[in-house]
């Protein structure tokens, strides 16, 4: 025994050291587990739609693209487009995806006119004439493959959600009226 130590303190020193070591190990483990997977450390879309960049740095950025639907079988595109250089959305096509994941009926898209982009100006699709889509298999809560064709950036096919447009915050979104739409796709 050490000087000035009692048999009681000597018998407690080993369990206290083990407990202290266990606390240190648990503290390190909890800190490592909790601090490594924070949502802010990974990029993510804080909305229901899909994001994509087309055509590189001088191409088109598509943000929060989705189909809003108030009636089974039809809907309209919602999203934001921006391009640094001149570009145009010239066509929309695609197909609905059934609940079992198989391909559904093709989309019939109606785009009133090409959507002009450029000079870094944001274009909100629902601020203009609606780009409508129809398919016998289009249904809120499911998905659709949507192909966007841009000139000159090119085309891209995205799997986008079909969202119930009667649910908040989408219930107030109504596309602007159109003149004479032109069917495409």
C-alpha atoms as a PDB file:
ATOM      1  CA  UNK A   1       0.000   0.000   0.000  1.00  0.00           C
ATOM      2  CA  UNK A   2       0.987   3.557  -0.583  1.00  0.00           C
ATOM      3  CA  UNK A   3       1.532   5.836   2.350  1.00  0.00           C
ATOM      4  CA  UNK A   4      -1.636   7.630   3.462  1.00  0.00           C
ATOM      5  CA  UNK A   5      -3.888   5.182   1.633  1.00  0.00           C
ATOM      6  CA  UNK A   6      -6.395   2.972   3.257  1.00  0.00           C
ATOM      7  CA  UNK A   7      -7.430  -0.508   2.186  1.00  0.00           C
ATOM      8  CA  UNK A   8     -10.875   0.894   1.240  1.00  0.00           C
ATOM      9  CA  UNK A   9      -9.480   3.482  -1.209  1.00  0.00           C
ATOM     10  CA  UNK A  10      -7.184   0.870  -2.774  1.00  0.00           C
ATOM     11  CA  UNK A  11     -10.131  -1.454  -3.387  1.00  0.00           C
ATOM     12  CA  UNK A  12     -12.095   1.335  -5.128  1.00  0.00           C
ATOM     13  CA  UNK A  13      -9.282   2.583  -7.362  1.00  0.00           C
ATOM     14  CA  UNK A  14      -9.465  -0.245  -9.932  1.00  0.00           C
ATOM     15  CA  UNK A  15     -13.275  -0.016 -10.514  1.00  0.00           C
ATOM     16  CA  UNK A  16     -13.097   3.789 -10.640  1.00  0.00           C
ATOM     17  CA  UNK A  17     -10.357   3.633 -13.264  1.00  0.00           C
ATOM     18  CA  UNK A  18     -12.384   1.134 -15.322  1.00  0.00           C
ATOM     19  CA  UNK A  19     -15.480   3.315 -15.053  1.00  0.00           C
ATOM     20  CA  UNK A  20     -13.506   6.419 -16.098  1.00  0.00           C
ATOM     21  CA  UNK A  21     -12.066   4.546 -19.095  1.00  0.00           C
ATOM     22  CA  UNK A  22     -15.542   3.344 -20.078  1.00  0.00           C
ATOM     23  CA  UNK A  23     -16.933   6.906 -19.878  1.00  0.00           C
ATOM     24  CA  UNK A  24     -14.110   8.198 -22.103  1.00  0.00           C
ATOM     25  CA  UNK A  25     -14.673   5.424 -24.657  1.00  0.00           C
ATOM     26  CA  UNK A  26     -18.433   5.995 -24.729  1.00  0.00           C
ATOM     27  CA  UNK A  27     -17.968   9.768 -25.047  1.00  0.00           C
ATOM     28  CA  UNK A  28     -15.656   9.328 -28.049  1.00  0.00           C
ATOM     29  CA  UNK A  29     -18.021   6.790 -29.657  1.00  0.00           C
ATOM     30  CA  UNK A  30     -21.110   8.981 -29.211  1.00  0.00           C
ATOM     31  CA  UNK A  31     -19.302  12.073 -30.480  1.00  0.00           C
ATOM     32  CA  UNK A  32     -18.043  10.224 -33.556  1.00  0.00           C
ATOM     33  CA  UNK A  33     -21.441   8.712 -34.317  1.00  0.00           C
ATOM     34  CA  UNK A  34     -23.436  11.915 -33.858  1.00  0.00           C
ATOM     35  CA  UNK A  35     -21.102  14.350 -35.563  1.00  0.00           C
ATOM     36  CA  UNK A  36     -20.388  12.563 -38.834  1.00  0.00           C
ATOM     37  CA  UNK A  37     -23.762  12.337 -40.553  1.00  0.00           C
ATOM     38  CA  UNK A  38     -25.306  15.753 -40.127  1.00  0.00           C
ATOM     39  CA  UNK A  39     -27.730  16.749 -42.871  1.00  0.00           C
ATOM     40  CA  UNK A  40     -25.840  19.992 -43.427  1.00  0.00           C
ATOM     41  CA  UNK A  41     -22.677  18.104 -44.407  1.00  0.00           C
ATOM     42  CA  UNK A  42     -24.361  16.582 -47.473  1.00  0.00           C
ATOM     43  CA  UNK A  43     -26.007  18.454 -50.328  1.00  0.00           C
ATOM     44  CA  UNK A  44     -29.709  17.705 -50.593  1.00  0.00           C
ATOM     45  CA  UNK A  45     -32.830  19.105 -52.164  1.00  0.00           C
ATOM     46  CA  UNK A  46     -34.988  20.658 -49.480  1.00  0.00           C
ATOM     47  CA  UNK A  47     -38.031  20.333 -51.734  1.00  0.00           C
ATOM     48  CA  UNK A  48     -39.960  17.576 -53.475  1.00  0.00           C
ATOM     49  CA  UNK A  49     -38.699  18.302 -56.996  1.00  0.00           C
ATOM     50  CA  UNK A  50     -35.559  17.272 -58.863  1.00  0.00           C
ATOM     51  CA  UNK A  51     -32.468  19.390 -59.602  1.00  0.00           C
ATOM     52  CA  UNK A  52     -30.156  18.969 -62.595  1.00  0.00           C
ATOM     53  CA  UNK A  53     -27.624  20.968 -64.618  1.00  0.00           C
ATOM     54  CA  UNK A  54     -27.661  20.460 -68.395  1.00  0.00           C
ATOM     55  CA  UNK A  55     -24.927  21.422 -70.832  1.00  0.00           C
ATOM     56  CA  UNK A  56     -22.149  22.350 -68.395  1.00  0.00           C
ATOM     57  CA  UNK A  57     -21.369  25.773 -66.966  1.00  0.00           C
ATOM     58  CA  UNK A  58     -22.960  27.656 -69.884  1.00  0.00           C
ATOM     59  CA  UNK A  59     -26.042  25.385 -69.986  1.00  0.00           C
ATOM     60  CA  UNK A  60     -29.311  25.304 -68.079  1.00  0.00           C
ATOM     61  CA  UNK A  61     -29.949  24.773 -64.386  1.00  0.00           C
ATOM     62  CA  UNK A  62     -33.268  23.079 -63.592  1.00  0.00           C
ATOM     63  CA  UNK A  63     -34.441  23.390 -59.996  1.00  0.00           C
ATOM     64  CA  UNK A  64     -37.295  21.716 -58.101  1.00  0.00           C
ATOM     65  CA  UNK A  65     -38.856  20.158 -61.221  1.00  0.00           C
ATOM     66  CA  UNK A  66     -42.061  18.212 -60.555  1.00  0.00           C
ATOM     67  CA  UNK A  67     -45.479  17.573 -62.014  1.00  0.00           C
ATOM     68  CA  UNK A  68     -48.347  19.082 -60.032  1.00  0.00           C
ATOM     69  CA  UNK A  69     -51.623  17.233 -60.477  1.00  0.00           C
ATOM     70  CA  UNK A  70     -55.137  18.062 -59.329  1.00  0.00           C
ATOM     71  CA  UNK A  71     -56.827  15.428 -61.485  1.00  0.00           C
ATOM     72  CA  UNK A  72     -55.733  11.854 -62.122  1.00  0.00           C
ATOM     73  CA  UNK A  73     -54.305  11.534 -65.612  1.00  0.00           C
ATOM     74  CA  UNK A  74     -53.167  15.145 -66.017  1.00  0.00           C
ATOM     75  CA  UNK A  75     -50.935  17.780 -64.491  1.00  0.00           C
ATOM     76  CA  UNK A  76     -48.568  20.655 -65.215  1.00  0.00           C
ATOM     77  CA  UNK A  77     -44.819  21.180 -64.849  1.00  0.00           C
ATOM     78  CA  UNK A  78     -43.557  23.214 -61.941  1.00  0.00           C
ATOM     79  CA  UNK A  79     -39.949  24.256 -61.498  1.00  0.00           C
ATOM     80  CA  UNK A  80     -37.418  26.993 -62.064  1.00  0.00           C
ATOM     81  CA  UNK A  81     -35.001  27.315 -64.982  1.00  0.00           C
ATOM     82  CA  UNK A  82     -31.984  29.571 -65.344  1.00  0.00           C
ATOM     83  CA  UNK A  83     -29.250  29.866 -67.964  1.00  0.00           C
ATOM     84  CA  UNK A  84     -26.263  32.175 -68.266  1.00  0.00           C
ATOM     85  CA  UNK A  85     -26.438  32.149 -72.080  1.00  0.00           C
ATOM     86  CA  UNK A  86     -29.368  32.091 -74.483  1.00  0.00           C
ATOM     87  CA  UNK A  87     -31.267  28.835 -74.401  1.00  0.00           C
ATOM     88  CA  UNK A  88     -34.796  27.656 -75.039  1.00  0.00           C
ATOM     89  CA  UNK A  89     -36.935  24.857 -73.654  1.00  0.00           C
ATOM     90  CA  UNK A  90     -38.402  23.601 -76.927  1.00  0.00           C
ATOM     91  CA  UNK A  91     -40.079  20.288 -76.072  1.00  0.00           C
ATOM     92  CA  UNK A  92     -41.277  18.080 -73.223  1.00  0.00           C
ATOM     93  CA  UNK A  93     -41.999  14.356 -73.470  1.00  0.00           C
ATOM     94  CA  UNK A  94     -41.864  11.250 -71.327  1.00  0.00           C
ATOM     95  CA  UNK A  95     -43.931   8.508 -69.702  1.00  0.00           C
ATOM     96  CA  UNK A  96     -45.733   7.896 -66.438  1.00  0.00           C
ATOM     97  CA  UNK A  97     -44.390   5.265 -64.043  1.00  0.00           C
ATOM     98  CA  UNK A  98     -46.930   2.826 -62.593  1.00  0.00           C
ATOM     99  CA  UNK A  99     -47.110   1.995 -58.880  1.00  0.00           C
ATOM    100  CA  UNK A 100     -45.283  -1.317 -59.485  1.00  0.00           C
ATOM    101  CA  UNK A 101     -42.361   0.584 -61.077  1.00  0.00           C
ATOM    102  CA  UNK A 102     -43.112  -0.475 -64.643  1.00  0.00           C
ATOM    103  CA  UNK A 103     -43.458   1.945 -67.555  1.00  0.00           C
ATOM    104  CA  UNK A 104     -46.861   3.541 -67.932  1.00  0.00           C
ATOM    105  CA  UNK A 105     -48.497   5.289 -70.845  1.00  0.00           C
ATOM    106  CA  UNK A 106     -46.532   8.007 -72.673  1.00  0.00           C
ATOM    107  CA  UNK A 107     -46.995  11.622 -71.660  1.00  0.00           C
ATOM    108  CA  UNK A 108     -48.720  13.954 -74.070  1.00  0.00           C
ATOM    109  CA  UNK A 109     -47.189  17.333 -73.320  1.00  0.00           C
ATOM    110  CA  UNK A 110     -48.539  20.691 -74.387  1.00  0.00           C
ATOM    111  CA  UNK A 111     -46.094  23.567 -74.389  1.00  0.00           C
ATOM    112  CA  UNK A 112     -47.690  26.894 -75.431  1.00  0.00           C
ATOM    113  CA  UNK A 113     -44.443  28.180 -76.917  1.00  0.00           C
ATOM    114  CA  UNK A 114     -40.753  27.678 -76.354  1.00  0.00           C
ATOM    115  CA  UNK A 115     -39.534  28.993 -73.015  1.00  0.00           C
ATOM    116  CA  UNK A 116     -36.716  31.493 -73.553  1.00  0.00           C
ATOM    117  CA  UNK A 117     -33.830  31.593 -71.080  1.00  0.00           C
ATOM    118  CA  UNK A 118     -30.705  33.688 -70.682  1.00  0.00           C
ATOM    119  CA  UNK A 119     -28.746  36.359 -68.883  1.00  0.00           C
ATOM    120  CA  UNK A 120     -29.109  34.589 -65.529  1.00  0.00           C
ATOM    121  CA  UNK A 121     -32.824  35.442 -65.272  1.00  0.00           C
ATOM    122  CA  UNK A 122     -34.874  32.905 -63.299  1.00  0.00           C
ATOM    123  CA  UNK A 123     -37.874  31.545 -65.179  1.00  0.00           C
ATOM    124  CA  UNK A 124     -40.554  30.018 -62.959  1.00  0.00           C
ATOM    125  CA  UNK A 125     -42.572  27.647 -65.128  1.00  0.00           C
ATOM    126  CA  UNK A 126     -45.855  28.323 -63.318  1.00  0.00           C
ATOM    127  CA  UNK A 127     -45.496  32.088 -63.884  1.00  0.00           C
ATOM    128  CA  UNK A 128     -46.170  31.586 -67.596  1.00  0.00           C
ATOM    129  CA  UNK A 129     -48.597  29.608 -69.700  1.00  0.00           C
ATOM    130  CA  UNK A 130     -48.827  26.060 -68.315  1.00  0.00           C
ATOM    131  CA  UNK A 131     -46.825  23.191 -69.721  1.00  0.00           C
ATOM    132  CA  UNK A 132     -49.452  20.494 -69.309  1.00  0.00           C
ATOM    133  CA  UNK A 133     -48.880  16.748 -69.363  1.00  0.00           C
ATOM    134  CA  UNK A 134     -51.415  13.946 -69.721  1.00  0.00           C
ATOM    135  CA  UNK A 135     -51.167  10.183 -69.411  1.00  0.00           C
ATOM    136  CA  UNK A 136     -53.681   7.516 -68.459  1.00  0.00           C
ATOM    137  CA  UNK A 137     -51.205   6.359 -65.782  1.00  0.00           C
ATOM    138  CA  UNK A 138     -50.288   9.778 -64.356  1.00  0.00           C
ATOM    139  CA  UNK A 139     -51.190   9.888 -60.670  1.00  0.00           C
ATOM    140  CA  UNK A 140     -50.174  12.003 -57.660  1.00  0.00           C
ATOM    141  CA  UNK A 141     -47.822  10.116 -55.363  1.00  0.00           C
ATOM    142  CA  UNK A 142     -46.117   8.294 -58.226  1.00  0.00           C
ATOM    143  CA  UNK A 143     -43.327   9.251 -60.628  1.00  0.00           C
ATOM    144  CA  UNK A 144     -42.889  10.124 -64.287  1.00  0.00           C
ATOM    145  CA  UNK A 145     -39.908  10.102 -66.621  1.00  0.00           C
ATOM    146  CA  UNK A 146     -39.794  13.586 -68.157  1.00  0.00           C
ATOM    147  CA  UNK A 147     -37.502  14.543 -71.040  1.00  0.00           C
ATOM    148  CA  UNK A 148     -36.718  18.242 -71.415  1.00  0.00           C
ATOM    149  CA  UNK A 149     -35.225  19.386 -74.721  1.00  0.00           C
ATOM    150  CA  UNK A 150     -33.251  22.612 -74.768  1.00  0.00           C
ATOM    151  CA  UNK A 151     -31.693  24.431 -77.703  1.00  0.00           C
ATOM    152  CA  UNK A 152     -28.676  24.516 -77.679  1.00  0.00           C
ATOM    153  CA  UNK A 153     -27.992  22.869 -74.258  1.00  0.00           C
ATOM    154  CA  UNK A 154     -29.383  19.467 -75.298  1.00  0.00           C
ATOM    155  CA  UNK A 155     -31.837  17.144 -73.610  1.00  0.00           C
ATOM    156  CA  UNK A 156     -32.120  15.338 -70.305  1.00  0.00           C
ATOM    157  CA  UNK A 157     -34.516  12.714 -68.953  1.00  0.00           C
ATOM    158  CA  UNK A 158     -35.402  12.916 -65.276  1.00  0.00           C
ATOM    159  CA  UNK A 159     -37.566  10.803 -62.986  1.00  0.00           C
ATOM    160  CA  UNK A 160     -39.728  13.435 -61.312  1.00  0.00           C
ATOM    161  CA  UNK A 161     -42.387  13.170 -58.615  1.00  0.00           C
ATOM    162  CA  UNK A 162     -46.056  13.701 -59.384  1.00  0.00           C
ATOM    163  CA  UNK A 163     -47.298  15.814 -56.481  1.00  0.00           C
ATOM    164  CA  UNK A 164     -50.877  16.418 -55.346  1.00  0.00           C
ATOM    165  CA  UNK A 165     -51.450  20.074 -56.223  1.00  0.00           C
ATOM    166  CA  UNK A 166     -54.336  20.338 -53.755  1.00  0.00           C
ATOM    167  CA  UNK A 167     -51.982  19.861 -50.777  1.00  0.00           C
ATOM    168  CA  UNK A 168     -50.188  22.756 -49.085  1.00  0.00           C
ATOM    169  CA  UNK A 169     -47.986  24.495 -50.170  1.00  0.00           C
ATOM    170  CA  UNK A 170     -49.018  23.761 -53.775  1.00  0.00           C
ATOM    171  CA  UNK A 171     -52.756  24.505 -53.496  1.00  0.00           C
ATOM    172  CA  UNK A 172     -52.233  28.177 -54.363  1.00  0.00           C
ATOM    173  CA  UNK A 173     -50.126  27.489 -57.482  1.00  0.00           C
ATOM    174  CA  UNK A 174     -52.052  28.088 -60.667  1.00  0.00           C
ATOM    175  CA  UNK A 175     -50.198  28.521 -63.937  1.00  0.00           C
ATOM    176  CA  UNK A 176     -50.879  31.661 -65.922  1.00  0.00           C
ATOM    177  CA  UNK A 177     -53.466  31.350 -68.716  1.00  0.00           C
ATOM    178  CA  UNK A 178     -52.189  30.510 -72.159  1.00  0.00           C
ATOM    179  CA  UNK A 179     -53.115  31.580 -75.629  1.00  0.00           C
ATOM    180  CA  UNK A 180     -53.210  28.709 -78.140  1.00  0.00           C
ATOM    181  CA  UNK A 181     -51.139  25.771 -76.867  1.00  0.00           C
ATOM    182  CA  UNK A 182     -49.144  23.609 -79.239  1.00  0.00           C
ATOM    183  CA  UNK A 183     -49.043  19.844 -78.497  1.00  0.00           C
ATOM    184  CA  UNK A 184     -45.513  18.408 -78.427  1.00  0.00           C
ATOM    185  CA  UNK A 185     -43.767  15.200 -77.503  1.00  0.00           C
END
